[in-house]
Amino acid sequence: MARNNKNESGLSNLQKQVKAEQTQEENKVADVKPETKVEATTESKETKAKSKGKAGRKVTKDVKNTCTNINVAIPNELYDKWKEIKTARGNNLTQYVTDLIQKDMDENYDKYKQIISMLNDL
């Protein structure tokens, strides 16, 4: 039978010990002079800002509201080929896909419109 090591408050002994250590650390920080604490905080924020940028993917700015972001699934085989040649295309998959779509639309747009109108007439 498993033994439950929780006290009356529902915390395990390990959780209680960790909480006590955190409280001790908070008390130590409270004893530090406010000027020192503020300087240390400011310095660490500046250091972090210089060492790395914002977390996550860079946001593409669409100033004129001319683009739509979509998620596209690409087969692994094609994506592996893309990784091999991406430096030749400027490492920009979005631009590469956009160029392919633009080329297809330039060549086949009228054909697609005819097919749609025939389907609608059925």
N, C-alpha and C. Protein backbone atom coordinates (compact mmCIF):
# COMPACT_ATOMS: atom_id res chain seq x y z
N MET A 1 0.84 -1.16 0.00
CA MET A 1 0.00 0.00 0.00
C MET A 1 0.90 1.24 0.00
N ALA A 2 0.63 2.22 -0.87
CA ALA A 2 1.44 3.43 -0.95
C ALA A 2 1.17 4.30 0.26
N ARG A 3 2.23 4.90 0.76
CA ARG A 3 2.12 5.74 1.94
C ARG A 3 2.06 7.20 1.52
N ASN A 4 1.13 7.93 2.06
CA ASN A 4 0.94 9.33 1.72
C ASN A 4 1.74 10.18 2.70
N ASN A 5 2.73 10.90 2.21
CA ASN A 5 3.59 11.72 3.07
C ASN A 5 3.14 13.17 3.09
N LYS A 6 1.86 13.42 3.13
CA LYS A 6 1.36 14.79 3.14
C LYS A 6 0.91 15.17 4.54
N ASN A 7 1.20 16.41 4.91
CA ASN A 7 0.77 16.89 6.21
C ASN A 7 -0.64 17.48 6.12
N GLU A 8 -1.10 18.14 7.17
CA GLU A 8 -2.48 18.63 7.22
C GLU A 8 -2.79 19.63 6.11
N SER A 9 -1.80 20.43 5.70
CA SER A 9 -2.06 21.45 4.68
C SER A 9 -2.07 20.88 3.27
N GLY A 10 -1.76 19.59 3.10
CA GLY A 10 -1.77 18.97 1.79
C GLY A 10 -0.43 19.01 1.10
N LEU A 11 0.59 19.60 1.73
CA LEU A 11 1.90 19.69 1.13
C LEU A 11 2.75 18.50 1.55
N SER A 12 3.52 17.98 0.65
CA SER A 12 4.46 16.91 1.02
C SER A 12 5.61 17.53 1.79
N ASN A 13 6.38 16.70 2.44
CA ASN A 13 7.51 17.20 3.22
C ASN A 13 8.51 17.94 2.34
N LEU A 14 8.75 17.44 1.13
CA LEU A 14 9.68 18.08 0.21
C LEU A 14 9.15 19.45 -0.21
N GLN A 15 7.85 19.52 -0.53
CA GLN A 15 7.26 20.79 -0.91
C GLN A 15 7.36 21.80 0.23
N LYS A 16 7.15 21.33 1.46
CA LYS A 16 7.23 22.19 2.63
C LYS A 16 8.65 22.71 2.80
N GLN A 17 9.65 21.85 2.56
CA GLN A 17 11.05 22.25 2.69
C GLN A 17 11.41 23.29 1.62
N VAL A 18 10.97 23.09 0.38
CA VAL A 18 11.26 24.04 -0.69
C VAL A 18 10.62 25.37 -0.38
N LYS A 19 9.39 25.36 0.11
CA LYS A 19 8.68 26.59 0.44
C LYS A 19 9.41 27.34 1.54
N ALA A 20 9.93 26.61 2.54
CA ALA A 20 10.68 27.23 3.63
C ALA A 20 11.96 27.88 3.10
N GLU A 21 12.65 27.23 2.17
CA GLU A 21 13.87 27.79 1.59
C GLU A 21 13.57 29.04 0.79
N GLN A 22 12.46 29.05 0.05
CA GLN A 22 12.08 30.22 -0.73
C GLN A 22 11.77 31.39 0.20
N THR A 23 11.11 31.12 1.32
CA THR A 23 10.78 32.16 2.28
C THR A 23 12.06 32.74 2.88
N GLN A 24 13.05 31.89 3.16
CA GLN A 24 14.32 32.37 3.69
C GLN A 24 15.01 33.27 2.68
N GLU A 25 14.99 32.89 1.41
CA GLU A 25 15.61 33.72 0.36
C GLU A 25 14.90 35.05 0.24
N GLU A 26 13.58 35.06 0.32
CA GLU A 26 12.82 36.31 0.25
C GLU A 26 13.17 37.21 1.42
N ASN A 27 13.36 36.64 2.59
CA ASN A 27 13.72 37.43 3.77
C ASN A 27 15.11 38.03 3.59
N LYS A 28 16.04 37.30 2.99
CA LYS A 28 17.38 37.83 2.73
C LYS A 28 17.31 39.00 1.78
N VAL A 29 16.48 38.90 0.73
CA VAL A 29 16.34 39.98 -0.24
C VAL A 29 15.74 41.20 0.43
N ALA A 30 14.82 41.01 1.35
CA ALA A 30 14.18 42.12 2.05
C ALA A 30 15.19 42.87 2.91
N ASP A 31 16.24 42.21 3.40
CA ASP A 31 17.25 42.84 4.23
C ASP A 31 18.22 43.70 3.43
N VAL A 32 18.27 43.54 2.11
CA VAL A 32 19.17 44.31 1.26
C VAL A 32 18.67 45.73 1.16
N LYS A 33 19.60 46.69 1.08
CA LYS A 33 19.22 48.10 0.95
C LYS A 33 18.47 48.30 -0.36
N PRO A 34 17.44 49.14 -0.37
CA PRO A 34 16.65 49.34 -1.59
C PRO A 34 17.47 49.83 -2.77
N GLU A 35 18.48 50.71 -2.53
CA GLU A 35 19.27 51.24 -3.65
C GLU A 35 20.03 50.12 -4.35
N THR A 36 20.60 49.21 -3.59
CA THR A 36 21.36 48.10 -4.15
C THR A 36 20.44 47.18 -4.93
N LYS A 37 19.28 46.93 -4.38
CA LYS A 37 18.32 46.03 -5.03
C LYS A 37 17.88 46.59 -6.37
N VAL A 38 17.58 47.89 -6.43
CA VAL A 38 17.13 48.51 -7.68
C VAL A 38 18.23 48.48 -8.72
N GLU A 39 19.46 48.78 -8.32
CA GLU A 39 20.56 48.78 -9.27
C GLU A 39 20.79 47.40 -9.85
N ALA A 40 20.73 46.39 -8.99
CA ALA A 40 20.95 45.02 -9.46
C ALA A 40 19.86 44.62 -10.44
N THR A 41 18.62 44.97 -10.16
CA THR A 41 17.51 44.63 -11.04
C THR A 41 17.65 45.34 -12.38
N THR A 42 17.97 46.62 -12.34
CA THR A 42 18.12 47.39 -13.58
C THR A 42 19.27 46.83 -14.41
N GLU A 43 20.36 46.52 -13.74
CA GLU A 43 21.52 46.00 -14.46
C GLU A 43 21.22 44.66 -15.12
N SER A 44 20.52 43.79 -14.43
CA SER A 44 20.23 42.49 -15.01
C SER A 44 19.26 42.62 -16.19
N LYS A 45 18.32 43.54 -16.13
CA LYS A 45 17.40 43.73 -17.25
C LYS A 45 18.14 44.26 -18.47
N GLU A 46 19.06 45.21 -18.25
CA GLU A 46 19.83 45.74 -19.37
C GLU A 46 20.73 44.66 -19.98
N THR A 47 21.32 43.86 -19.13
CA THR A 47 22.19 42.79 -19.61
C THR A 47 21.40 41.80 -20.43
N LYS A 48 20.21 41.43 -19.95
CA LYS A 48 19.36 40.49 -20.70
C LYS A 48 18.94 41.08 -22.03
N ALA A 49 18.58 42.36 -22.04
CA ALA A 49 18.13 42.99 -23.28
C ALA A 49 19.25 43.03 -24.31
N LYS A 50 20.48 43.26 -23.85
CA LYS A 50 21.60 43.30 -24.78
C LYS A 50 21.99 41.92 -25.27
N SER A 51 21.89 40.92 -24.39
CA SER A 51 22.36 39.59 -24.75
C SER A 51 21.44 38.87 -25.73
N LYS A 52 20.15 39.07 -25.61
CA LYS A 52 19.25 38.44 -26.58
C LYS A 52 18.00 39.28 -26.77
N GLY A 53 17.39 39.14 -27.93
CA GLY A 53 16.20 39.91 -28.25
C GLY A 53 14.97 39.31 -27.62
N LYS A 54 13.84 39.74 -28.13
CA LYS A 54 12.57 39.22 -27.63
C LYS A 54 12.45 37.74 -27.93
N ALA A 55 11.72 37.05 -27.06
CA ALA A 55 11.52 35.62 -27.25
C ALA A 55 10.53 35.37 -28.38
N GLY A 56 10.69 34.26 -29.07
CA GLY A 56 9.72 33.85 -30.09
C GLY A 56 10.12 34.29 -31.48
N ARG A 57 9.24 33.97 -32.41
CA ARG A 57 9.46 34.25 -33.82
C ARG A 57 9.32 35.75 -34.07
N LYS A 58 10.15 36.29 -34.95
CA LYS A 58 10.05 37.70 -35.29
C LYS A 58 8.73 37.96 -36.00
N VAL A 59 8.13 39.09 -35.68
CA VAL A 59 6.85 39.44 -36.26
C VAL A 59 7.07 40.13 -37.59
N THR A 60 6.38 39.69 -38.62
CA THR A 60 6.46 40.33 -39.92
C THR A 60 5.52 41.53 -39.90
N LYS A 61 6.07 42.69 -40.19
CA LYS A 61 5.25 43.90 -40.17
C LYS A 61 4.57 44.05 -41.52
N ASP A 62 3.27 44.10 -41.50
CA ASP A 62 2.47 44.30 -42.70
C ASP A 62 1.85 45.68 -42.59
N VAL A 63 2.64 46.70 -42.92
CA VAL A 63 2.24 48.07 -42.69
C VAL A 63 1.00 48.44 -43.50
N LYS A 64 0.93 48.02 -44.73
CA LYS A 64 -0.18 48.40 -45.61
C LYS A 64 -1.32 47.40 -45.58
N ASN A 65 -1.26 46.40 -44.69
CA ASN A 65 -2.31 45.40 -44.56
C ASN A 65 -2.57 44.71 -45.90
N THR A 66 -1.48 44.25 -46.54
CA THR A 66 -1.59 43.64 -47.86
C THR A 66 -1.35 42.14 -47.84
N CYS A 67 -1.06 41.56 -46.68
CA CYS A 67 -0.73 40.14 -46.61
C CYS A 67 -1.65 39.41 -45.64
N THR A 68 -1.74 38.09 -45.84
CA THR A 68 -2.47 37.22 -44.93
C THR A 68 -1.53 36.11 -44.51
N ASN A 69 -1.42 35.88 -43.20
CA ASN A 69 -0.58 34.79 -42.70
C ASN A 69 -1.38 33.51 -42.70
N ILE A 70 -0.79 32.44 -43.25
CA ILE A 70 -1.44 31.14 -43.27
C ILE A 70 -0.44 30.07 -42.84
N ASN A 71 -0.93 28.97 -42.36
CA ASN A 71 -0.08 27.81 -42.05
C ASN A 71 -0.18 26.83 -43.20
N VAL A 72 0.96 26.34 -43.66
CA VAL A 72 0.99 25.43 -44.78
C VAL A 72 1.80 24.20 -44.38
N ALA A 73 1.26 23.02 -44.63
CA ALA A 73 1.99 21.79 -44.37
C ALA A 73 2.75 21.41 -45.64
N ILE A 74 4.04 21.18 -45.48
CA ILE A 74 4.89 20.82 -46.61
C ILE A 74 5.42 19.41 -46.35
N PRO A 75 5.33 18.53 -47.34
CA PRO A 75 5.87 17.17 -47.13
C PRO A 75 7.35 17.22 -46.74
N ASN A 76 7.74 16.31 -45.87
CA ASN A 76 9.12 16.29 -45.37
C ASN A 76 10.15 16.21 -46.49
N GLU A 77 9.85 15.44 -47.51
CA GLU A 77 10.79 15.28 -48.62
C GLU A 77 11.06 16.63 -49.31
N LEU A 78 10.00 17.40 -49.55
CA LEU A 78 10.17 18.71 -50.17
C LEU A 78 10.89 19.68 -49.24
N TYR A 79 10.55 19.61 -47.95
CA TYR A 79 11.19 20.51 -47.00
C TYR A 79 12.68 20.21 -46.86
N ASP A 80 13.05 18.94 -46.91
CA ASP A 80 14.47 18.57 -46.86
C ASP A 80 15.22 19.13 -48.07
N LYS A 81 14.58 19.05 -49.23
CA LYS A 81 15.20 19.62 -50.44
C LYS A 81 15.34 21.14 -50.30
N TRP A 82 14.31 21.78 -49.73
CA TRP A 82 14.35 23.24 -49.52
C TRP A 82 15.54 23.60 -48.63
N LYS A 83 15.76 22.83 -47.55
CA LYS A 83 16.86 23.14 -46.63
C LYS A 83 18.21 23.07 -47.34
N GLU A 84 18.33 22.19 -48.36
CA GLU A 84 19.58 22.08 -49.10
C GLU A 84 19.85 23.29 -49.99
N ILE A 85 18.81 23.89 -50.53
CA ILE A 85 19.00 24.98 -51.51
C ILE A 85 18.59 26.35 -50.99
N LYS A 86 18.19 26.46 -49.72
CA LYS A 86 17.62 27.71 -49.23
C LYS A 86 18.59 28.89 -49.28
N THR A 87 19.89 28.66 -49.17
CA THR A 87 20.81 29.79 -49.24
C THR A 87 20.81 30.42 -50.63
N ALA A 88 20.52 29.64 -51.65
CA ALA A 88 20.44 30.19 -53.00
C ALA A 88 19.22 31.09 -53.17
N ARG A 89 18.20 30.88 -52.31
CA ARG A 89 16.98 31.68 -52.38
C ARG A 89 16.89 32.69 -51.24
N GLY A 90 17.99 32.96 -50.57
CA GLY A 90 18.00 33.97 -49.53
C GLY A 90 17.40 33.51 -48.21
N ASN A 91 17.32 32.21 -47.97
CA ASN A 91 16.78 31.64 -46.73
C ASN A 91 15.35 32.09 -46.44
N ASN A 92 14.60 32.49 -47.45
CA ASN A 92 13.26 33.03 -47.23
C ASN A 92 12.23 32.11 -47.88
N LEU A 93 11.69 31.19 -47.10
CA LEU A 93 10.71 30.25 -47.61
C LEU A 93 9.42 30.96 -48.03
N THR A 94 9.03 31.96 -47.29
CA THR A 94 7.81 32.71 -47.62
C THR A 94 7.92 33.32 -49.01
N GLN A 95 9.05 33.96 -49.28
CA GLN A 95 9.23 34.59 -50.59
C GLN A 95 9.27 33.54 -51.70
N TYR A 96 9.89 32.40 -51.42
CA TYR A 96 9.97 31.32 -52.41
C TYR A 96 8.57 30.80 -52.75
N VAL A 97 7.76 30.53 -51.74
CA VAL A 97 6.40 30.04 -51.97
C VAL A 97 5.56 31.11 -52.67
N THR A 98 5.73 32.35 -52.26
CA THR A 98 4.99 33.45 -52.90
C THR A 98 5.35 33.55 -54.37
N ASP A 99 6.64 33.43 -54.70
CA ASP A 99 7.07 33.48 -56.10
C ASP A 99 6.47 32.33 -56.91
N LEU A 100 6.42 31.12 -56.31
CA LEU A 100 5.82 29.97 -57.01
C LEU A 100 4.34 30.19 -57.28
N ILE A 101 3.63 30.69 -56.28
CA ILE A 101 2.19 30.94 -56.46
C ILE A 101 1.97 32.02 -57.51
N GLN A 102 2.79 33.08 -57.46
CA GLN A 102 2.66 34.17 -58.43
C GLN A 102 2.90 33.67 -59.85
N LYS A 103 3.91 32.83 -60.04
CA LYS A 103 4.20 32.27 -61.36
C LYS A 103 3.03 31.42 -61.86
N ASP A 104 2.48 30.58 -60.97
CA ASP A 104 1.35 29.74 -61.35
C ASP A 104 0.13 30.59 -61.70
N MET A 105 -0.12 31.62 -60.92
CA MET A 105 -1.28 32.48 -61.20
C MET A 105 -1.10 33.24 -62.51
N ASP A 106 0.11 33.71 -62.77
CA ASP A 106 0.36 34.42 -64.03
C ASP A 106 0.10 33.52 -65.23
N GLU A 107 0.48 32.24 -65.13
CA GLU A 107 0.34 31.32 -66.25
C GLU A 107 -1.04 30.69 -66.35
N ASN A 108 -1.72 30.47 -65.23
CA ASN A 108 -2.93 29.64 -65.26
C ASN A 108 -4.19 30.28 -64.69
N TYR A 109 -4.15 31.52 -64.31
CA TYR A 109 -5.31 32.14 -63.67
C TYR A 109 -6.56 32.09 -64.55
N ASP A 110 -6.42 32.42 -65.82
CA ASP A 110 -7.58 32.39 -66.72
C ASP A 110 -8.15 30.98 -66.87
N LYS A 111 -7.27 29.99 -66.92
CA LYS A 111 -7.73 28.60 -67.00
C LYS A 111 -8.52 28.22 -65.75
N TYR A 112 -8.00 28.61 -64.58
CA TYR A 112 -8.69 28.31 -63.33
C TYR A 112 -10.07 28.97 -63.29
N LYS A 113 -10.15 30.19 -63.76
CA LYS A 113 -11.45 30.90 -63.79
C LYS A 113 -12.44 30.19 -64.71
N GLN A 114 -11.96 29.69 -65.84
CA GLN A 114 -12.85 28.96 -66.76
C GLN A 114 -13.34 27.68 -66.11
N ILE A 115 -12.47 26.96 -65.44
CA ILE A 115 -12.86 25.72 -64.78
C ILE A 115 -13.92 26.01 -63.72
N ILE A 116 -13.72 27.06 -62.95
CA ILE A 116 -14.69 27.43 -61.91
C ILE A 116 -16.05 27.78 -62.52
N SER A 117 -16.03 28.53 -63.60
CA SER A 117 -17.31 28.90 -64.23
C SER A 117 -18.02 27.68 -64.81
N MET A 118 -17.25 26.70 -65.36
CA MET A 118 -17.86 25.47 -65.87
C MET A 118 -18.45 24.66 -64.71
N LEU A 119 -17.76 24.61 -63.60
CA LEU A 119 -18.27 23.88 -62.44
C LEU A 119 -19.54 24.53 -61.87
N ASN A 120 -19.57 25.84 -61.90
CA ASN A 120 -20.75 26.56 -61.40
C ASN A 120 -21.96 26.39 -62.33
N ASP A 121 -21.70 26.19 -63.63
CA ASP A 121 -22.79 26.02 -64.61
C ASP A 121 -23.44 24.63 -64.53
N LEU A 122 -22.76 23.68 -63.91
CA LEU A 122 -23.30 22.33 -63.82
C LEU A 122 -24.50 22.29 -62.97
